């Protein structure tokens, strides 16, 4: 859920700052643990970078990439029309990369 909150805020351009609003945003989404605001802020910072959103790290596996695509799809209903378009572009990019990487591997087996 924290990943989803960070992702939604990044797409919506809703700035999260540890000192000013991270804790309040965490509470808004039902996270009240001591470090919730900090973690959501870290995830927001990560997802603000288009490279981080769509890059495939070396350690990414078929399952983690599928989970990443599912996470992005789960954000769609919570996004404004403009943010939704950006998210859909990222999803298409991730799906193309998935097909390129894993269809090639499947054909070799």
Protein backbone atom coordinates (compact mmCIF):
# COMPACT_ATOMS: atom_id res chain seq x y z
CA UNK A 1 0.00 0.00 0.00
CA UNK A 2 2.84 2.43 0.77
CA UNK A 3 4.26 1.88 -2.72
CA UNK A 4 0.86 2.70 -4.17
CA UNK A 5 0.59 5.92 -2.15
CA UNK A 6 4.06 7.04 -3.23
CA UNK A 7 3.27 6.20 -6.84
CA UNK A 8 -0.09 8.02 -6.85
CA UNK A 9 1.43 11.13 -5.30
CA UNK A 10 4.30 11.08 -7.81
CA UNK A 11 1.93 10.85 -10.79
CA UNK A 12 -0.35 13.53 -9.38
CA UNK A 13 2.55 15.85 -8.62
CA UNK A 14 1.52 15.96 -4.97
CA UNK A 15 4.78 16.82 -3.26
CA UNK A 16 5.69 14.82 -0.17
CA UNK A 17 8.16 16.32 2.23
CA UNK A 18 9.38 14.56 5.38
CA UNK A 19 9.31 17.70 7.48
CA UNK A 20 6.04 19.18 6.31
CA UNK A 21 3.43 16.70 5.15
CA UNK A 22 4.69 13.09 4.92
CA UNK A 23 3.15 12.03 8.22
CA UNK A 24 -0.19 13.69 7.38
CA UNK A 25 -0.34 12.02 3.96
CA UNK A 26 0.45 8.64 5.55
CA UNK A 27 -2.38 9.18 8.06
CA UNK A 28 -4.71 10.24 5.24
CA UNK A 29 -4.24 6.77 3.75
CA UNK A 30 -4.52 4.98 7.10
CA UNK A 31 -0.85 4.50 7.95
CA UNK A 32 -0.15 5.61 11.49
CA UNK A 33 3.10 3.81 12.36
CA UNK A 34 6.01 5.97 13.48
CA UNK A 35 7.98 5.71 10.21
CA UNK A 36 5.11 5.58 7.71
CA UNK A 37 5.60 9.14 6.54
CA UNK A 38 9.31 8.62 6.00
CA UNK A 39 8.78 5.45 3.95
CA UNK A 40 6.07 7.04 1.80
CA UNK A 41 8.37 10.00 1.22
CA UNK A 42 11.19 7.67 0.11
CA UNK A 43 8.87 5.87 -2.28
CA UNK A 44 7.52 9.16 -3.62
CA UNK A 45 11.09 10.36 -4.28
CA UNK A 46 11.85 7.09 -6.07
CA UNK A 47 8.72 7.17 -8.26
CA UNK A 48 9.13 10.83 -9.19
CA UNK A 49 11.94 9.76 -11.49
CA UNK A 50 10.65 8.41 -14.82
CA UNK A 51 13.82 6.33 -15.04
CA UNK A 52 13.05 4.64 -11.74
CA UNK A 53 9.47 4.01 -12.79
CA UNK A 54 10.20 2.27 -16.09
CA UNK A 55 13.79 1.02 -15.87
CA UNK A 56 14.33 -2.68 -15.40
CA UNK A 57 17.04 -3.22 -12.79
CA UNK A 58 19.36 -6.20 -13.28
CA UNK A 59 17.91 -8.01 -10.28
CA UNK A 60 14.34 -7.65 -11.58
CA UNK A 61 12.77 -11.06 -12.12
CA UNK A 62 9.74 -12.07 -14.13
CA UNK A 63 7.62 -12.03 -10.97
CA UNK A 64 8.87 -8.68 -9.67
CA UNK A 65 8.32 -7.09 -13.07
CA UNK A 66 4.78 -8.51 -13.21
CA UNK A 67 4.17 -7.17 -9.70
CA UNK A 68 5.46 -3.76 -10.76
CA UNK A 69 3.05 -3.71 -13.71
CA UNK A 70 0.20 -4.75 -11.39
CA UNK A 71 1.10 -1.98 -8.94
CA UNK A 72 1.00 0.61 -11.70
CA UNK A 73 -2.34 -0.75 -12.95
CA UNK A 74 -3.75 -0.55 -9.41
CA UNK A 75 -2.92 3.16 -9.32
CA UNK A 76 -5.00 3.94 -12.44
CA UNK A 77 -8.42 4.26 -10.70
CA UNK A 78 -6.96 6.78 -8.24
CA UNK A 79 -5.44 9.13 -10.83
CA UNK A 80 -6.70 12.24 -12.56
CA UNK A 81 -7.10 11.96 -16.35
CA UNK A 82 -3.76 13.67 -17.01
CA UNK A 83 -1.86 11.53 -14.50
CA UNK A 84 -3.64 8.44 -15.83
CA UNK A 85 -2.22 9.09 -19.32
CA UNK A 86 1.34 9.23 -17.95
CA UNK A 87 0.78 6.05 -15.97
CA UNK A 88 -0.63 4.23 -18.99
CA UNK A 89 2.44 5.21 -21.02
CA UNK A 90 4.68 3.82 -18.30
CA UNK A 91 2.64 0.61 -18.15
CA UNK A 92 2.95 0.18 -21.93
CA UNK A 93 6.70 0.65 -21.66
CA UNK A 94 6.98 -1.92 -18.85
CA UNK A 95 4.80 -4.39 -20.76
CA UNK A 96 6.92 -3.98 -23.91
CA UNK A 97 10.06 -4.60 -21.89
CA UNK A 98 8.46 -7.63 -20.26
CA UNK A 99 7.56 -9.08 -23.65
CA UNK A 100 11.00 -8.37 -25.07
CA UNK A 101 12.85 -9.95 -22.15
CA UNK A 102 10.64 -12.88 -21.27
CA UNK A 103 9.24 -13.94 -24.63
CA UNK A 104 12.83 -14.31 -25.83
CA UNK A 105 13.70 -16.45 -22.81
CA UNK A 106 10.56 -18.57 -23.23
CA UNK A 107 11.46 -19.32 -26.85
CA UNK A 108 14.95 -20.47 -25.86
CA UNK A 109 13.71 -23.01 -23.31
